[in-house]
């Protein structure tokens, strides 16, 4: 009888430990995928905005207290909203200006409800399907999980400058 209880207890213990071991990495992988999805959505947000003109879809990628640095300039959620309004006005006046963004070398780390991602970016300005300008650089984004969404609360991006 004692041996049966002991074996049953050990079996339950093995199952519980197994669940914990496999649940942790699965959750982390899921979080990594969600963070990647958020970063890629941000990279595509300007291109999508030209089609949808939906400011909220872009702003929903950022926390209410977002602060960032874009090539030495400070940025807030309000700064992004102002840029979107200016861009929308240009589009409404018939501008053919479009933006494309791409991310590469994405590396993600998560720790609880915080994550950080480093990556290279290419941001292109196109007009009438011709390249008007291009920036390449590096970014570090800090994200916070709010409810079930990963949102960017800080970002630091800098253009790569050619050697002088």
N, C-alpha and C. Protein backbone atom coordinates (compact mmCIF):
# COMPACT_ATOMS: atom_id res chain seq x y z
N UNK A 1 0.83 -1.19 0.00
CA UNK A 1 0.00 0.00 0.00
C UNK A 1 0.87 1.25 0.00
N UNK A 2 1.89 1.28 0.83
CA UNK A 2 2.76 2.45 0.88
C UNK A 2 3.48 2.59 -0.45
N UNK A 3 3.93 1.49 -1.02
CA UNK A 3 4.62 1.54 -2.30
C UNK A 3 3.68 2.08 -3.39
N UNK A 4 2.40 1.68 -3.38
CA UNK A 4 1.44 2.16 -4.38
C UNK A 4 1.24 3.67 -4.24
N UNK A 5 1.08 4.15 -3.04
CA UNK A 5 0.89 5.59 -2.82
C UNK A 5 2.15 6.33 -3.26
N UNK A 6 3.30 5.79 -2.92
CA UNK A 6 4.56 6.43 -3.29
C UNK A 6 4.71 6.51 -4.80
N UNK A 7 4.39 5.41 -5.52
CA UNK A 7 4.49 5.41 -6.98
C UNK A 7 3.46 6.37 -7.59
N UNK A 8 2.26 6.37 -7.02
CA UNK A 8 1.22 7.27 -7.52
C UNK A 8 1.65 8.72 -7.30
N UNK A 9 2.19 9.00 -6.12
CA UNK A 9 2.66 10.34 -5.77
C UNK A 9 3.80 10.75 -6.72
N UNK A 10 4.73 9.83 -6.98
CA UNK A 10 5.86 10.11 -7.86
C UNK A 10 5.35 10.37 -9.29
N UNK A 11 4.37 9.61 -9.73
CA UNK A 11 3.81 9.81 -11.07
C UNK A 11 3.18 11.19 -11.19
N UNK A 12 2.43 11.58 -10.18
CA UNK A 12 1.82 12.91 -10.18
C UNK A 12 2.92 13.97 -10.21
N UNK A 13 3.95 13.78 -9.42
CA UNK A 13 5.06 14.72 -9.37
C UNK A 13 5.75 14.84 -10.73
N UNK A 14 6.00 13.72 -11.39
CA UNK A 14 6.63 13.73 -12.70
C UNK A 14 5.76 14.47 -13.71
N UNK A 15 4.46 14.22 -13.67
CA UNK A 15 3.54 14.90 -14.59
C UNK A 15 3.56 16.40 -14.33
N UNK A 16 3.51 16.81 -13.07
CA UNK A 16 3.52 18.24 -12.74
C UNK A 16 4.81 18.90 -13.18
N UNK A 17 5.95 18.28 -12.90
CA UNK A 17 7.24 18.85 -13.30
C UNK A 17 7.31 18.93 -14.82
N UNK A 18 6.85 17.87 -15.49
CA UNK A 18 6.83 17.88 -16.96
C UNK A 18 6.00 19.02 -17.50
N UNK A 19 4.84 19.23 -16.92
CA UNK A 19 3.97 20.34 -17.37
C UNK A 19 4.66 21.68 -17.18
N UNK A 20 5.32 21.86 -16.05
CA UNK A 20 6.01 23.12 -15.80
C UNK A 20 7.17 23.33 -16.77
N UNK A 21 7.92 22.27 -17.02
CA UNK A 21 9.06 22.38 -17.93
C UNK A 21 8.61 22.72 -19.35
N UNK A 22 7.55 22.09 -19.80
CA UNK A 22 7.10 22.32 -21.17
C UNK A 22 6.25 23.57 -21.29
N UNK A 23 5.55 23.97 -20.26
CA UNK A 23 4.69 25.15 -20.34
C UNK A 23 5.52 26.42 -20.41
N UNK A 24 6.63 26.49 -19.67
CA UNK A 24 7.47 27.69 -19.66
C UNK A 24 8.00 28.03 -21.04
N UNK A 25 8.72 27.12 -21.70
CA UNK A 25 9.23 27.42 -23.04
C UNK A 25 8.11 27.68 -24.05
N UNK A 26 7.02 26.99 -23.96
CA UNK A 26 5.93 27.22 -24.90
C UNK A 26 5.39 28.64 -24.74
N UNK A 27 5.25 29.08 -23.50
CA UNK A 27 4.75 30.42 -23.25
C UNK A 27 5.78 31.45 -23.74
N UNK A 28 7.07 31.20 -23.46
CA UNK A 28 8.11 32.12 -23.89
C UNK A 28 8.13 32.21 -25.42
N UNK A 29 8.02 31.06 -26.08
CA UNK A 29 7.99 31.06 -27.54
C UNK A 29 6.81 31.83 -28.07
N UNK A 30 5.67 31.67 -27.42
CA UNK A 30 4.46 32.39 -27.82
C UNK A 30 4.66 33.89 -27.62
N UNK A 31 5.27 34.27 -26.50
CA UNK A 31 5.55 35.69 -26.26
C UNK A 31 6.54 36.23 -27.28
N UNK A 32 7.58 35.46 -27.59
CA UNK A 32 8.53 35.89 -28.61
C UNK A 32 7.83 36.13 -29.94
N UNK A 33 6.94 35.23 -30.30
CA UNK A 33 6.19 35.37 -31.56
C UNK A 33 5.31 36.62 -31.52
N UNK A 34 4.67 36.88 -30.38
CA UNK A 34 3.82 38.07 -30.25
C UNK A 34 4.63 39.36 -30.32
N UNK A 35 5.82 39.35 -29.71
CA UNK A 35 6.70 40.52 -29.78
C UNK A 35 7.15 40.73 -31.22
N UNK A 36 7.52 39.65 -31.89
CA UNK A 36 7.92 39.75 -33.30
C UNK A 36 6.78 40.32 -34.15
N UNK A 37 5.58 39.86 -33.90
CA UNK A 37 4.42 40.36 -34.63
C UNK A 37 4.24 41.86 -34.41
N UNK A 38 4.43 42.33 -33.17
CA UNK A 38 4.30 43.76 -32.86
C UNK A 38 5.37 44.58 -33.58
N UNK A 39 6.61 44.10 -33.59
CA UNK A 39 7.71 44.83 -34.24
C UNK A 39 7.47 44.88 -35.75
N UNK A 40 7.06 43.77 -36.35
CA UNK A 40 6.81 43.75 -37.79
C UNK A 40 5.61 44.63 -38.16
N UNK A 41 4.61 44.66 -37.28
CA UNK A 41 3.45 45.53 -37.51
C UNK A 41 3.87 46.99 -37.48
N UNK A 42 4.77 47.34 -36.57
CA UNK A 42 5.25 48.72 -36.53
C UNK A 42 5.99 49.07 -37.82
N UNK A 43 6.82 48.14 -38.30
CA UNK A 43 7.57 48.39 -39.53
C UNK A 43 6.63 48.61 -40.73
N UNK A 44 5.49 47.95 -40.73
CA UNK A 44 4.54 48.07 -41.84
C UNK A 44 3.50 49.17 -41.62
N UNK A 45 3.50 49.79 -40.45
CA UNK A 45 2.41 50.69 -40.09
C UNK A 45 2.28 51.90 -41.01
N UNK A 46 3.39 52.48 -41.46
CA UNK A 46 3.29 53.65 -42.34
C UNK A 46 2.72 53.26 -43.69
N UNK A 47 3.12 52.11 -44.21
CA UNK A 47 2.58 51.65 -45.49
C UNK A 47 1.09 51.35 -45.37
N UNK A 48 0.70 50.71 -44.29
CA UNK A 48 -0.71 50.40 -44.06
C UNK A 48 -1.52 51.67 -43.87
N UNK A 49 -0.94 52.67 -43.20
CA UNK A 49 -1.66 53.92 -42.96
C UNK A 49 -2.03 54.61 -44.27
N UNK A 50 -1.14 54.57 -45.25
CA UNK A 50 -1.44 55.20 -46.54
C UNK A 50 -2.69 54.60 -47.17
N UNK A 51 -2.93 53.33 -46.90
CA UNK A 51 -4.11 52.67 -47.46
C UNK A 51 -5.35 52.85 -46.57
N UNK A 52 -5.18 52.72 -45.26
CA UNK A 52 -6.33 52.71 -44.35
C UNK A 52 -6.66 54.07 -43.76
N UNK A 53 -5.63 54.90 -43.58
CA UNK A 53 -5.75 56.21 -42.91
C UNK A 53 -6.30 56.05 -41.48
N UNK A 54 -5.99 54.92 -40.87
CA UNK A 54 -6.48 54.59 -39.54
C UNK A 54 -5.38 54.86 -38.52
N UNK A 55 -5.41 56.06 -37.92
CA UNK A 55 -4.39 56.44 -36.94
C UNK A 55 -4.38 55.49 -35.75
N UNK A 56 -5.55 55.09 -35.31
CA UNK A 56 -5.65 54.24 -34.12
C UNK A 56 -4.95 52.90 -34.32
N UNK A 57 -4.98 52.38 -35.55
CA UNK A 57 -4.30 51.11 -35.82
C UNK A 57 -2.80 51.26 -35.60
N UNK A 58 -2.23 52.41 -35.95
CA UNK A 58 -0.81 52.66 -35.73
C UNK A 58 -0.56 52.92 -34.25
N UNK A 59 -1.34 53.82 -33.66
CA UNK A 59 -1.13 54.21 -32.26
C UNK A 59 -1.34 53.04 -31.30
N UNK A 60 -2.14 52.06 -31.70
CA UNK A 60 -2.41 50.92 -30.82
C UNK A 60 -1.17 50.05 -30.62
N UNK A 61 -0.10 50.29 -31.35
CA UNK A 61 1.15 49.54 -31.17
C UNK A 61 1.99 50.08 -30.02
N UNK A 62 1.59 51.26 -29.50
CA UNK A 62 2.39 51.96 -28.48
C UNK A 62 1.60 52.11 -27.18
N UNK A 63 2.32 52.15 -26.05
CA UNK A 63 1.69 52.42 -24.77
C UNK A 63 1.31 53.90 -24.70
N UNK A 64 0.42 54.22 -23.78
CA UNK A 64 0.02 55.62 -23.59
C UNK A 64 1.20 56.48 -23.16
N UNK A 65 2.17 55.90 -22.43
CA UNK A 65 3.32 56.65 -21.94
C UNK A 65 4.57 56.46 -22.81
N UNK A 66 4.39 56.11 -24.07
CA UNK A 66 5.51 55.85 -24.98
C UNK A 66 6.44 57.06 -25.04
N UNK A 67 7.75 56.78 -25.02
CA UNK A 67 8.76 57.80 -25.30
C UNK A 67 9.87 57.12 -26.08
N UNK A 68 10.40 57.83 -27.04
CA UNK A 68 11.43 57.24 -27.86
C UNK A 68 12.40 58.27 -28.38
N UNK A 69 13.41 57.76 -29.06
CA UNK A 69 14.40 58.60 -29.71
C UNK A 69 14.58 58.08 -31.11
N UNK A 70 14.31 58.94 -32.08
CA UNK A 70 14.47 58.60 -33.48
C UNK A 70 15.58 59.47 -34.06
N UNK A 71 16.73 58.86 -34.26
CA UNK A 71 17.88 59.56 -34.83
C UNK A 71 18.20 60.85 -34.07
N UNK A 72 18.21 60.75 -32.76
CA UNK A 72 18.58 61.89 -31.91
C UNK A 72 17.43 62.80 -31.52
N UNK A 73 16.26 62.62 -32.10
CA UNK A 73 15.09 63.44 -31.79
C UNK A 73 14.15 62.67 -30.86
N UNK A 74 13.65 63.36 -29.83
CA UNK A 74 12.70 62.69 -28.93
C UNK A 74 11.36 62.52 -29.64
N UNK A 75 10.66 61.50 -29.20
CA UNK A 75 9.38 61.17 -29.82
C UNK A 75 8.43 60.68 -28.73
N UNK A 76 7.18 61.06 -28.85
CA UNK A 76 6.14 60.58 -27.95
C UNK A 76 4.99 60.06 -28.80
N UNK A 77 4.02 59.54 -28.15
CA UNK A 77 2.81 59.09 -28.87
C UNK A 77 2.16 60.27 -29.59
N UNK A 78 2.18 61.45 -28.96
CA UNK A 78 1.61 62.65 -29.57
C UNK A 78 2.40 63.05 -30.82
N UNK A 79 3.72 62.88 -30.79
CA UNK A 79 4.55 63.17 -31.96
C UNK A 79 4.16 62.27 -33.13
N UNK A 80 3.94 61.01 -32.83
CA UNK A 80 3.53 60.06 -33.88
C UNK A 80 2.17 60.46 -34.43
N UNK A 81 1.26 60.82 -33.55
CA UNK A 81 -0.08 61.22 -33.99
C UNK A 81 -0.03 62.47 -34.88
N UNK A 82 0.83 63.42 -34.52
CA UNK A 82 0.99 64.63 -35.34
C UNK A 82 1.56 64.28 -36.72
N UNK A 83 2.57 63.39 -36.74
CA UNK A 83 3.16 62.97 -38.01
C UNK A 83 2.10 62.31 -38.89
N UNK A 84 1.28 61.46 -38.29
CA UNK A 84 0.21 60.79 -39.05
C UNK A 84 -0.79 61.80 -39.59
N UNK A 85 -1.13 62.80 -38.81
CA UNK A 85 -2.06 63.84 -39.28
C UNK A 85 -1.47 64.61 -40.45
N UNK A 86 -0.19 64.97 -40.36
CA UNK A 86 0.48 65.68 -41.46
C UNK A 86 0.54 64.81 -42.71
N UNK A 87 0.86 63.54 -42.52
CA UNK A 87 0.94 62.61 -43.65
C UNK A 87 -0.44 62.41 -44.27
N UNK A 88 -1.46 62.30 -43.44
CA UNK A 88 -2.82 62.15 -43.94
C UNK A 88 -3.24 63.36 -44.76
N UNK A 89 -2.89 64.56 -44.29
CA UNK A 89 -3.22 65.78 -45.03
C UNK A 89 -2.54 65.76 -46.40
N UNK A 90 -1.28 65.32 -46.45
CA UNK A 90 -0.58 65.20 -47.73
C UNK A 90 -1.28 64.22 -48.66
N UNK A 91 -1.66 63.07 -48.11
CA UNK A 91 -2.36 62.05 -48.91
C UNK A 91 -3.69 62.59 -49.42
N UNK A 92 -4.41 63.31 -48.56
CA UNK A 92 -5.70 63.88 -48.96
C UNK A 92 -5.56 64.93 -50.06
N UNK A 93 -4.39 65.55 -50.13
CA UNK A 93 -4.12 66.54 -51.18
C UNK A 93 -3.56 65.90 -52.45
N UNK A 94 -3.60 64.56 -52.51
CA UNK A 94 -3.20 63.87 -53.74
C UNK A 94 -1.76 63.40 -53.78
N UNK A 95 -1.04 63.51 -52.69
CA UNK A 95 0.34 63.06 -52.70
C UNK A 95 0.42 61.56 -52.98
N UNK A 96 1.42 61.19 -53.75
CA UNK A 96 1.66 59.76 -54.03
C UNK A 96 2.77 59.21 -53.14
N UNK A 97 3.19 59.98 -52.15
CA UNK A 97 4.24 59.55 -51.23
C UNK A 97 3.79 58.33 -50.44
N UNK A 98 4.60 57.30 -50.46
CA UNK A 98 4.34 56.08 -49.70
C UNK A 98 5.61 55.68 -48.98
N UNK A 99 5.45 55.02 -47.85
CA UNK A 99 6.59 54.56 -47.07
C UNK A 99 6.56 53.05 -46.97
N UNK A 100 7.73 52.46 -47.03
CA UNK A 100 7.89 51.02 -46.85
C UNK A 100 8.93 50.79 -45.77
N UNK A 101 8.67 49.82 -44.90
CA UNK A 101 9.62 49.50 -43.85
C UNK A 101 9.89 48.01 -43.82
N UNK A 102 11.13 47.66 -43.53
CA UNK A 102 11.51 46.26 -43.42
C UNK A 102 12.44 46.08 -42.23
N UNK A 103 12.34 44.93 -41.61
CA UNK A 103 13.12 44.59 -40.42
C UNK A 103 13.94 43.34 -40.73
N UNK A 104 15.19 43.32 -40.25
CA UNK A 104 16.01 42.12 -40.37
C UNK A 104 16.84 41.96 -39.09
N UNK A 105 17.46 40.81 -38.95
CA UNK A 105 18.31 40.50 -37.78
C UNK A 105 17.59 40.75 -36.46
N UNK A 106 16.32 40.39 -36.41
CA UNK A 106 15.50 40.61 -35.22
C UNK A 106 15.91 39.62 -34.12
N UNK A 107 16.24 40.18 -32.96
CA UNK A 107 16.59 39.37 -31.79
C UNK A 107 15.70 39.81 -30.64
N UNK A 108 15.05 38.85 -30.00
CA UNK A 108 14.05 39.14 -28.97
C UNK A 108 14.41 38.44 -27.67
N UNK A 109 14.21 39.16 -26.58
CA UNK A 109 14.35 38.60 -25.23
C UNK A 109 13.11 38.98 -24.44
N UNK A 110 12.57 38.05 -23.68
CA UNK A 110 11.43 38.36 -22.82
C UNK A 110 11.77 38.00 -21.39
N UNK A 111 11.22 38.76 -20.48
CA UNK A 111 11.36 38.50 -19.05
C UNK A 111 10.06 38.95 -18.40
N UNK A 112 9.19 37.99 -18.14
CA UNK A 112 7.89 38.32 -17.54
C UNK A 112 7.07 39.15 -18.51
N UNK A 113 6.65 40.32 -18.04
CA UNK A 113 5.79 41.17 -18.87
C UNK A 113 6.59 42.25 -19.60
N UNK A 114 7.92 42.08 -19.70
CA UNK A 114 8.77 43.02 -20.40
C UNK A 114 9.55 42.28 -21.48
N UNK A 115 9.78 42.94 -22.59
CA UNK A 115 10.56 42.35 -23.67
C UNK A 115 11.39 43.44 -24.32
N UNK A 116 12.46 43.04 -24.96
CA UNK A 116 13.24 43.96 -25.74
C UNK A 116 13.62 43.28 -27.04
N UNK A 117 13.71 44.09 -28.06
CA UNK A 117 14.04 43.57 -29.38
C UNK A 117 15.07 44.49 -30.02
N UNK A 118 16.07 43.90 -30.62
CA UNK A 118 17.04 44.67 -31.40
C UNK A 118 16.91 44.21 -32.84
N UNK A 119 17.09 45.14 -33.76
CA UNK A 119 16.95 44.79 -35.16
C UNK A 119 17.53 45.87 -36.06
N UNK A 120 17.76 45.50 -37.30
CA UNK A 120 18.15 46.44 -38.34
C UNK A 120 16.89 46.82 -39.10
N UNK A 121 16.85 48.04 -39.62
CA UNK A 121 15.67 48.46 -40.38
C UNK A 121 16.08 49.14 -41.67
N UNK A 122 15.18 49.10 -42.62
CA UNK A 122 15.27 49.87 -43.86
C UNK A 122 13.93 50.58 -43.98
N UNK A 123 13.96 51.88 -44.16
CA UNK A 123 12.75 52.69 -44.30
C UNK A 123 12.88 53.44 -45.61
N UNK A 124 11.95 53.22 -46.52
CA UNK A 124 12.03 53.84 -47.84
C UNK A 124 10.84 54.77 -48.09
N UNK A 125 11.14 55.88 -48.74
CA UNK A 125 10.10 56.80 -49.20
C UNK A 125 10.00 56.63 -50.71
N UNK A 126 8.79 56.32 -51.17
CA UNK A 126 8.54 56.09 -52.59
C UNK A 126 7.53 57.12 -53.09
N UNK A 127 7.76 57.61 -54.29
CA UNK A 127 6.79 58.50 -54.92
C UNK A 127 6.66 58.05 -56.38
N UNK A 128 5.43 57.79 -56.78
CA UNK A 128 5.16 57.28 -58.14
C UNK A 128 6.02 56.05 -58.43
N UNK A 129 6.09 55.16 -57.43
CA UNK A 129 6.82 53.89 -57.53
C UNK A 129 8.33 54.06 -57.77
N UNK A 130 8.86 55.22 -57.46
CA UNK A 130 10.30 55.45 -57.57
C UNK A 130 10.85 55.81 -56.20
N UNK A 131 12.03 55.27 -55.90
CA UNK A 131 12.67 55.52 -54.61
C UNK A 131 13.06 56.98 -54.50
N UNK A 132 12.52 57.63 -53.47
CA UNK A 132 12.83 59.05 -53.24
C UNK A 132 13.89 59.21 -52.15
N UNK A 133 13.89 58.29 -51.20
CA UNK A 133 14.86 58.34 -50.13
C UNK A 133 14.85 57.05 -49.34
N UNK A 134 15.96 56.79 -48.64
CA UNK A 134 16.04 55.56 -47.87
C UNK A 134 16.92 55.78 -46.64
N UNK A 135 16.47 55.27 -45.52
CA UNK A 135 17.26 55.25 -44.29
C UNK A 135 17.48 53.80 -43.89
N UNK A 136 18.66 53.51 -43.43
CA UNK A 136 18.94 52.21 -42.83
C UNK A 136 19.52 52.49 -41.45
N UNK A 137 19.23 51.61 -40.52
CA UNK A 137 19.73 51.83 -39.18
C UNK A 137 19.48 50.67 -38.26
N UNK A 138 19.63 50.96 -36.98
CA UNK A 138 19.46 49.96 -35.94
C UNK A 138 18.50 50.49 -34.89
N UNK A 139 17.70 49.58 -34.35
CA UNK A 139 16.73 49.95 -33.32
C UNK A 139 16.81 48.99 -32.14
N UNK A 140 16.48 49.53 -30.99
CA UNK A 140 16.18 48.73 -29.81
C UNK A 140 14.80 49.17 -29.34
N UNK A 141 13.89 48.23 -29.25
CA UNK A 141 12.53 48.51 -28.79
C UNK A 141 12.30 47.79 -27.47
N UNK A 142 11.70 48.50 -26.53
CA UNK A 142 11.29 47.91 -25.26
C UNK A 142 9.78 47.80 -25.27
N UNK A 143 9.28 46.63 -24.91
CA UNK A 143 7.84 46.37 -24.95
C UNK A 143 7.35 45.93 -23.59
N UNK A 144 6.10 46.20 -23.35
CA UNK A 144 5.44 45.81 -22.10
C UNK A 144 4.14 45.11 -22.47
N UNK A 145 3.88 44.02 -21.79
CA UNK A 145 2.64 43.29 -22.04
C UNK A 145 1.53 43.95 -21.24
N UNK A 146 0.53 44.45 -21.95
CA UNK A 146 -0.64 45.06 -21.32
C UNK A 146 -1.84 44.27 -21.78
N UNK A 147 -2.57 43.72 -20.82
CA UNK A 147 -3.63 42.75 -21.11
C UNK A 147 -2.97 41.60 -21.85
N UNK A 148 -3.34 41.36 -23.09
CA UNK A 148 -2.71 40.26 -23.82
C UNK A 148 -1.85 40.77 -24.97
N UNK A 149 -1.66 42.08 -25.08
CA UNK A 149 -0.91 42.65 -26.20
C UNK A 149 0.47 43.16 -25.76
N UNK A 150 1.45 42.96 -26.63
CA UNK A 150 2.77 43.53 -26.40
C UNK A 150 2.81 44.90 -27.08
N UNK A 151 3.07 45.94 -26.28
CA UNK A 151 3.09 47.32 -26.77
C UNK A 151 4.47 47.93 -26.56
N UNK A 152 4.86 48.79 -27.47
CA UNK A 152 6.16 49.45 -27.40
C UNK A 152 6.04 50.63 -26.43
N UNK A 153 6.91 50.63 -25.40
CA UNK A 153 6.89 51.76 -24.47
C UNK A 153 8.14 52.62 -24.60
N UNK A 154 9.18 52.11 -25.26
CA UNK A 154 10.36 52.92 -25.53
C UNK A 154 11.06 52.34 -26.75
N UNK A 155 11.63 53.23 -27.53
CA UNK A 155 12.35 52.79 -28.71
C UNK A 155 13.48 53.76 -28.98
N UNK A 156 14.60 53.22 -29.39
CA UNK A 156 15.74 54.06 -29.76
C UNK A 156 16.24 53.55 -31.11
N UNK A 157 16.11 54.40 -32.12
CA UNK A 157 16.54 54.04 -33.47
C UNK A 157 17.53 55.09 -33.98
N UNK A 158 18.54 54.62 -34.67
CA UNK A 158 19.53 55.54 -35.26
C UNK A 158 19.88 55.09 -36.66
N UNK A 159 19.99 56.07 -37.56
CA UNK A 159 20.42 55.79 -38.92
C UNK A 159 21.88 55.40 -38.91
N UNK A 160 22.23 54.56 -39.87
CA UNK A 160 23.64 54.23 -40.08
C UNK A 160 24.20 55.33 -40.99
N UNK A 161 25.24 55.96 -40.53
CA UNK A 161 25.87 57.02 -41.32
C UNK A 161 27.12 56.47 -41.99
N UNK A 162 27.34 56.89 -43.24
CA UNK A 162 28.55 56.42 -43.92
C UNK A 162 29.79 56.98 -43.22
N UNK A 163 30.87 56.22 -43.22
CA UNK A 163 32.11 56.73 -42.60
C UNK A 163 32.60 57.99 -43.31
N UNK A 164 33.19 58.88 -42.52
CA UNK A 164 33.65 60.15 -43.11
C UNK A 164 35.13 60.14 -43.36
